[in-house]
Structures are given as C-alpha cells and as structure tokens.
C-alpha atoms as a PDB file:
ATOM      1  CA  MET A   1     -38.019 -21.061  41.040  1.00  0.00           C
ATOM      2  CA  GLN A   2     -34.849 -19.619  39.551  1.00  0.00           C
ATOM      3  CA  VAL A   3     -32.677 -17.977  42.195  1.00  0.00           C
ATOM      4  CA  GLN A   4     -30.514 -15.060  41.166  1.00  0.00           C
ATOM      5  CA  SER A   5     -27.093 -15.277  42.758  1.00  0.00           C
ATOM      6  CA  MET A   6     -26.327 -12.382  45.088  1.00  0.00           C
ATOM      7  CA  HIS A   7     -23.092 -11.445  43.345  1.00  0.00           C
ATOM      8  CA  THR A   8     -25.166 -10.474  40.262  1.00  0.00           C
ATOM      9  CA  TRP A   9     -27.242  -7.901  42.179  1.00  0.00           C
ATOM     10  CA  THR A  10     -26.993  -4.185  41.448  1.00  0.00           C
ATOM     11  CA  LYS A  11     -24.615  -2.051  43.492  1.00  0.00           C
ATOM     12  CA  GLU A  12     -27.586  -0.332  45.140  1.00  0.00           C
ATOM     13  CA  LEU A  13     -29.162  -3.590  46.314  1.00  0.00           C
ATOM     14  CA  LYS A  14     -25.787  -4.839  47.545  1.00  0.00           C
ATOM     15  CA  MET A  15     -25.262  -1.578  49.444  1.00  0.00           C
ATOM     16  CA  LEU A  16     -28.710  -1.778  51.060  1.00  0.00           C
ATOM     17  CA  THR A  17     -28.111  -5.386  52.082  1.00  0.00           C
ATOM     18  CA  GLY A  18     -24.653  -4.623  53.439  1.00  0.00           C
ATOM     19  CA  VAL A  19     -25.847  -1.645  55.491  1.00  0.00           C
ATOM     20  CA  PHE A  20     -28.802  -3.671  56.804  1.00  0.00           C
ATOM     21  CA  LEU A  21     -26.492  -6.479  57.910  1.00  0.00           C
ATOM     22  CA  LEU A  22     -24.087  -4.010  59.502  1.00  0.00           C
ATOM     23  CA  VAL A  23     -26.873  -2.372  61.545  1.00  0.00           C
ATOM     24  CA  LEU A  24     -28.395  -5.763  62.389  1.00  0.00           C
ATOM     25  CA  SER A  25     -25.015  -7.036  63.562  1.00  0.00           C
ATOM     26  CA  VAL A  26     -24.494  -3.997  65.800  1.00  0.00           C
ATOM     27  CA  GLY A  27     -27.857  -4.800  67.404  1.00  0.00           C
ATOM     28  CA  PHE A  28     -27.131  -8.525  67.656  1.00  0.00           C
ATOM     29  CA  PHE A  29     -23.683  -8.146  69.191  1.00  0.00           C
ATOM     30  CA  SER A  30     -24.766  -5.343  71.533  1.00  0.00           C
ATOM     31  CA  GLY A  31     -27.392  -7.810  72.764  1.00  0.00           C
ATOM     32  CA  LEU A  32     -24.576 -10.261  73.466  1.00  0.00           C
ATOM     33  CA  THR A  33     -22.819  -7.540  75.430  1.00  0.00           C
ATOM     34  CA  PHE A  34     -25.984  -7.182  77.501  1.00  0.00           C
ATOM     35  CA  VAL A  35     -26.037 -10.949  78.073  1.00  0.00           C
ATOM     36  CA  GLY A  36     -22.445 -10.734  79.281  1.00  0.00           C
ATOM     37  CA  GLU A  37     -23.334  -7.924  81.680  1.00  0.00           C
ATOM     38  CA  THR A  38     -26.331  -9.767  83.135  1.00  0.00           C
ATOM     39  CA  SER A  39     -24.976 -13.325  83.231  1.00  0.00           C
ATOM     40  CA  ARG A  40     -21.180 -13.107  82.937  1.00  0.00           C
ATOM     41  CA  PHE A  41     -21.592 -15.738  80.189  1.00  0.00           C
ATOM     42  CA  SER A  42     -21.801 -18.461  82.844  1.00  0.00           C
ATOM     43  CA  SER A  43     -24.433 -21.058  83.662  1.00  0.00           C
ATOM     44  CA  ASN A  44     -24.708 -19.772  87.241  1.00  0.00           C
ATOM     45  CA  GLY A  45     -24.980 -16.212  85.933  1.00  0.00           C
ATOM     46  CA  ILE A  46     -27.868 -17.220  83.667  1.00  0.00           C
ATOM     47  CA  GLU A  47     -29.642 -18.926  86.561  1.00  0.00           C
ATOM     48  CA  GLU A  48     -29.047 -15.974  88.874  1.00  0.00           C
ATOM     49  CA  ASN A  49     -30.300 -13.474  86.303  1.00  0.00           C
ATOM     50  CA  TYR A  50     -33.745 -15.099  86.094  1.00  0.00           C
ATOM     51  CA  LEU A  51     -34.123 -16.751  89.497  1.00  0.00           C
ATOM     52  CA  GLY A  52     -32.350 -14.131  91.607  1.00  0.00           C
ATOM     53  CA  ASN A  53     -29.580 -14.399  94.179  1.00  0.00           C
ATOM     54  CA  GLU A  54     -31.380 -13.445  97.378  1.00  0.00           C
ATOM     55  CA  ALA A  55     -29.878 -16.419  99.250  1.00  0.00           C
ATOM     56  CA  ASN A  56     -26.315 -15.223  98.538  1.00  0.00           C
ATOM     57  CA  GLU A  57     -25.455 -12.763 101.287  1.00  0.00           C
ATOM     58  CA  ASP A  58     -22.071 -12.037  99.654  1.00  0.00           C
ATOM     59  CA  ALA A  59     -23.570 -10.938  96.324  1.00  0.00           C
ATOM     60  CA  GLU A  60     -22.266  -7.592  95.090  1.00  0.00           C
ATOM     61  CA  VAL A  61     -25.526  -6.862  93.286  1.00  0.00           C
ATOM     62  CA  MET A  62     -28.809  -8.162  94.689  1.00  0.00           C
ATOM     63  CA  LYS A  63     -31.045  -9.773  92.053  1.00  0.00           C
ATOM     64  CA  PHE A  64     -34.601 -10.977  92.508  1.00  0.00           C
ATOM     65  CA  LYS A  65     -36.577 -13.638  90.661  1.00  0.00           C
ATOM     66  CA  LYS A  66     -38.229 -12.203  87.556  1.00  0.00           C
ATOM     67  CA  SER A  67     -42.001 -11.933  87.560  1.00  0.00           C
ATOM     68  CA  GLU A  68     -44.116 -14.093  85.262  1.00  0.00           C
ATOM     69  CA  ARG A  69     -45.215 -10.986  83.365  1.00  0.00           C
ATOM     70  CA  HIS A  70     -41.573 -10.007  82.781  1.00  0.00           C
ATOM     71  CA  MET A  71     -40.635 -13.526  81.649  1.00  0.00           C
ATOM     72  CA  LEU A  72     -43.547 -13.772  79.222  1.00  0.00           C
ATOM     73  CA  SER A  73     -42.608 -10.373  77.800  1.00  0.00           C
ATOM     74  CA  VAL A  74     -38.948 -11.349  77.332  1.00  0.00           C
ATOM     75  CA  VAL A  75     -39.763 -14.714  75.747  1.00  0.00           C
ATOM     76  CA  HIS A  76     -42.523 -13.298  73.530  1.00  0.00           C
ATOM     77  CA  SER A  77     -40.580 -10.292  72.237  1.00  0.00           C
ATOM     78  CA  HIS A  78     -37.342 -12.171  71.626  1.00  0.00           C
ATOM     79  CA  ILE A  79     -38.928 -15.121  69.833  1.00  0.00           C
ATOM     80  CA  LEU A  80     -41.004 -12.868  67.578  1.00  0.00           C
ATOM     81  CA  SER A  81     -38.309 -10.341  66.705  1.00  0.00           C
ATOM     82  CA  MET A  82     -35.423 -12.758  66.352  1.00  0.00           C
ATOM     83  CA  SER A  83     -37.410 -15.197  64.227  1.00  0.00           C
ATOM     84  CA  VAL A  84     -38.174 -12.401  61.749  1.00  0.00           C
ATOM     85  CA  LEU A  85     -34.545 -11.263  61.674  1.00  0.00           C
ATOM     86  CA  PHE A  86     -33.207 -14.798  61.205  1.00  0.00           C
ATOM     87  CA  PHE A  87     -35.791 -15.407  58.477  1.00  0.00           C
ATOM     88  CA  ILE A  88     -34.513 -12.338  56.606  1.00  0.00           C
ATOM     89  CA  VAL A  89     -30.910 -13.494  57.041  1.00  0.00           C
ATOM     90  CA  ALA A  90     -31.928 -16.949  55.776  1.00  0.00           C
ATOM     91  CA  LEU A  91     -33.520 -15.416  52.662  1.00  0.00           C
ATOM     92  CA  LEU A  92     -30.319 -13.485  52.010  1.00  0.00           C
ATOM     93  CA  LEU A  93     -28.189 -16.567  52.649  1.00  0.00           C
ATOM     94  CA  TYR A  94     -30.302 -18.498  50.145  1.00  0.00           C
ATOM     95  CA  GLN A  95     -28.944 -16.154  47.452  1.00  0.00           C
ATOM     96  CA  VAL A  96     -25.314 -17.039  48.252  1.00  0.00           C
ATOM     97  CA  ASP A  97     -23.434 -19.489  46.019  1.00  0.00           C
ATOM     98  CA  PHE A  98     -22.348 -22.010  48.657  1.00  0.00           C
ATOM     99  CA  ASN A  99     -22.776 -25.643  49.641  1.00  0.00           C
ATOM    100  CA  ILE A 100     -26.533 -26.296  49.791  1.00  0.00           C
ATOM    101  CA  VAL A 101     -26.361 -28.602  52.834  1.00  0.00           C
ATOM    102  CA  ALA A 102     -24.366 -26.048  54.840  1.00  0.00           C
ATOM    103  CA  LYS A 103     -26.776 -23.307  53.746  1.00  0.00           C
ATOM    104  CA  LYS A 104     -29.777 -25.358  54.880  1.00  0.00           C
ATOM    105  CA  VAL A 105     -28.202 -25.863  58.304  1.00  0.00           C
ATOM    106  CA  LEU A 106     -27.319 -22.174  58.609  1.00  0.00           C
ATOM    107  CA  MET A 107     -30.813 -21.150  57.494  1.00  0.00           C
ATOM    108  CA  VAL A 108     -32.701 -23.336  59.990  1.00  0.00           C
ATOM    109  CA  GLU A 109     -30.374 -23.626  62.987  1.00  0.00           C
ATOM    110  CA  PRO A 110     -30.729 -20.070  64.346  1.00  0.00           C
ATOM    111  CA  LEU A 111     -34.519 -20.345  64.252  1.00  0.00           C
ATOM    112  CA  LEU A 112     -34.374 -23.572  66.253  1.00  0.00           C
ATOM    113  CA  SER A 113     -31.858 -21.982  68.617  1.00  0.00           C
ATOM    114  CA  VAL A 114     -34.187 -19.030  69.251  1.00  0.00           C
ATOM    115  CA  LEU A 115     -36.910 -21.429  70.311  1.00  0.00           C
ATOM    116  CA  THR A 116     -34.512 -23.531  72.382  1.00  0.00           C
ATOM    117  CA  THR A 117     -32.797 -20.551  74.022  1.00  0.00           C
ATOM    118  CA  PHE A 118     -35.871 -18.604  75.036  1.00  0.00           C
ATOM    119  CA  GLY A 119     -37.993 -21.664  75.720  1.00  0.00           C
ATOM    120  CA  GLY A 120     -35.105 -22.892  77.859  1.00  0.00           C
ATOM    121  CA  ILE A 121     -34.984 -19.586  79.732  1.00  0.00           C
ATOM    122  CA  TYR A 122     -38.684 -19.911  80.509  1.00  0.00           C
ATOM    123  CA  PHE A 123     -38.290 -23.515  81.729  1.00  0.00           C
ATOM    124  CA  LEU A 124     -35.273 -22.468  83.796  1.00  0.00           C
ATOM    125  CA  TRP A 125     -37.424 -19.771  85.401  1.00  0.00           C
ATOM    126  CA  LYS A 126     -40.062 -22.460  86.096  1.00  0.00           C
ATOM    127  CA  GLY A 127     -37.434 -24.426  88.045  1.00  0.00           C
ATOM    128  CA  VAL A 128     -35.897 -26.817  85.502  1.00  0.00           C
ATOM    129  CA  LEU A 129     -32.371 -25.847  86.508  1.00  0.00           C
ATOM    130  CA  TRP A 130     -30.483 -28.001  83.976  1.00  0.00           C
ATOM    131  CA  MET A 131     -31.988 -25.868  81.202  1.00  0.00           C
ATOM    132  CA  LYS A 132     -29.295 -23.264  81.899  1.00  0.00           C
ATOM    133  CA  TYR A 133     -26.880 -25.543  80.018  1.00  0.00           C
ATOM    134  CA  VAL A 134     -29.285 -25.920  77.096  1.00  0.00           C
ATOM    135  CA  VAL A 135     -29.645 -22.122  77.022  1.00  0.00           C
ATOM    136  CA  MET A 136     -25.861 -21.699  76.918  1.00  0.00           C
ATOM    137  CA  ILE A 137     -25.331 -24.270  74.169  1.00  0.00           C
ATOM    138  CA  SER A 138     -28.194 -23.024  72.001  1.00  0.00           C
ATOM    139  CA  GLY A 139     -27.075 -19.416  72.498  1.00  0.00           C
ATOM    140  CA  VAL A 140     -23.563 -20.285  71.341  1.00  0.00           C
ATOM    141  CA  CYS A 141     -24.951 -22.193  68.323  1.00  0.00           C
ATOM    142  CA  MET A 142     -27.204 -19.245  67.449  1.00  0.00           C
ATOM    143  CA  THR A 143     -24.277 -16.832  67.613  1.00  0.00           C
ATOM    144  CA  ILE A 144     -21.967 -19.020  65.545  1.00  0.00           C
ATOM    145  CA  SER A 145     -24.570 -19.666  62.848  1.00  0.00           C
ATOM    146  CA  TYR A 146     -25.496 -15.963  62.701  1.00  0.00           C
ATOM    147  CA  THR A 147     -21.848 -14.914  62.403  1.00  0.00           C
ATOM    148  CA  VAL A 148     -21.024 -17.487  59.725  1.00  0.00           C
ATOM    149  CA  SER A 149     -24.172 -16.604  57.767  1.00  0.00           C
ATOM    150  CA  VAL A 150     -23.440 -12.882  57.797  1.00  0.00           C
ATOM    151  CA  LEU A 151     -19.813 -13.459  56.786  1.00  0.00           C
ATOM    152  CA  LEU A 152     -20.943 -15.648  53.868  1.00  0.00           C
ATOM    153  CA  ILE A 153     -23.440 -13.009  52.769  1.00  0.00           C
ATOM    154  CA  PHE A 154     -20.778 -10.264  52.916  1.00  0.00           C
ATOM    155  CA  TRP A 155     -18.410 -12.532  50.977  1.00  0.00           C
ATOM    156  CA  SER A 156     -21.078 -12.936  48.299  1.00  0.00           C
ATOM    157  CA  LEU A 157     -21.835  -9.206  48.234  1.00  0.00           C
ATOM    158  CA  PHE A 158     -18.199  -8.364  47.516  1.00  0.00           C
ATOM    159  CA  LYS A 159     -17.603 -11.257  45.118  1.00  0.00           C
ATOM    160  CA  LYS A 160     -16.786 -10.062  41.608  1.00  0.00           C
ATOM    161  CA  LYS A 161     -19.188 -10.891  38.785  1.00  0.00           C
ATOM    162  CA  ASN A 162     -17.904 -13.659  36.496  1.00  0.00           C
END
C-alpha cells in the first residue's frame, strides 16, 4: 500500500486534522488535570482514590472505596474510548515522514499503556497494591507518547511541500 505523506495533503484536510488534534488534546490534558485533582499525581493518591481513606482520621476529604460497578464502568469506558482515540492518532502518525522504528513504538505504546493503566487500576482496586506504581509508570509513558505523537503530526502538517 502506497502511503501519501501528510505534508502533501490539501489545506482543508490539514486544517481538519489540526483542529481535531487540538480538541483531542484539550480533552486529553483536561483528563490529566482531573487525575491531578483526584490523586495529586502520587502513588498514595492513586491508591486512596480507588480504595478510599476511611482509616485516615486526619484526611481533609473523606474518600470511600469505589464500588465494583463504578470500577467496571471506569475501566470499560476508558479502555474503549482511549483505544479508539489512540488508534486514530496512530493512523495519523503513520502518515508522518519520520523514523519507522520510532513511529512503530509511538503507534503501539499508548495502546499498551491504556491496557496497563486501566487494568492496573482494576487490580489495585482488587488489592494488588504494588500496581499503583505500574499505573503511574504506564500513565507517564502514555502521556509522553501521546504528546510526542501529536507534536510530530503537527510538525508534519506545517511542513512545506518539497
């Protein structure tokens, strides 16, 4: 299959792609803001968010363990929606003129991180406490790969035709 390089696309297609990525990024990074609010970006904050903090009498905000229904809803909705979004980003990234090995990593890594992050959250909720570290690492990897991918796509969108 012959792949058309993104920098050869029409202005209209480039504009649509750029606006899509801008809106997607607002959603992605506002989600990270939510993570910061609920977990303080710490391993203990992640654990507390899903398992509660009822034993901590000094807690400023009382949190309770999430129900199984809530956990299944969070895991289900995030894995489905984020896998579709990262698949679309991967298809766009495929059109970028860049090192093929790096592109392959950036195309697959966020999908694996979605599974690891939200699977890890579920296992943490089930009592596997060390999963909070896996969740943190995979979340950071997902964010880095998303950011690098989007920057590469924008670079390709604004690249001048040869």
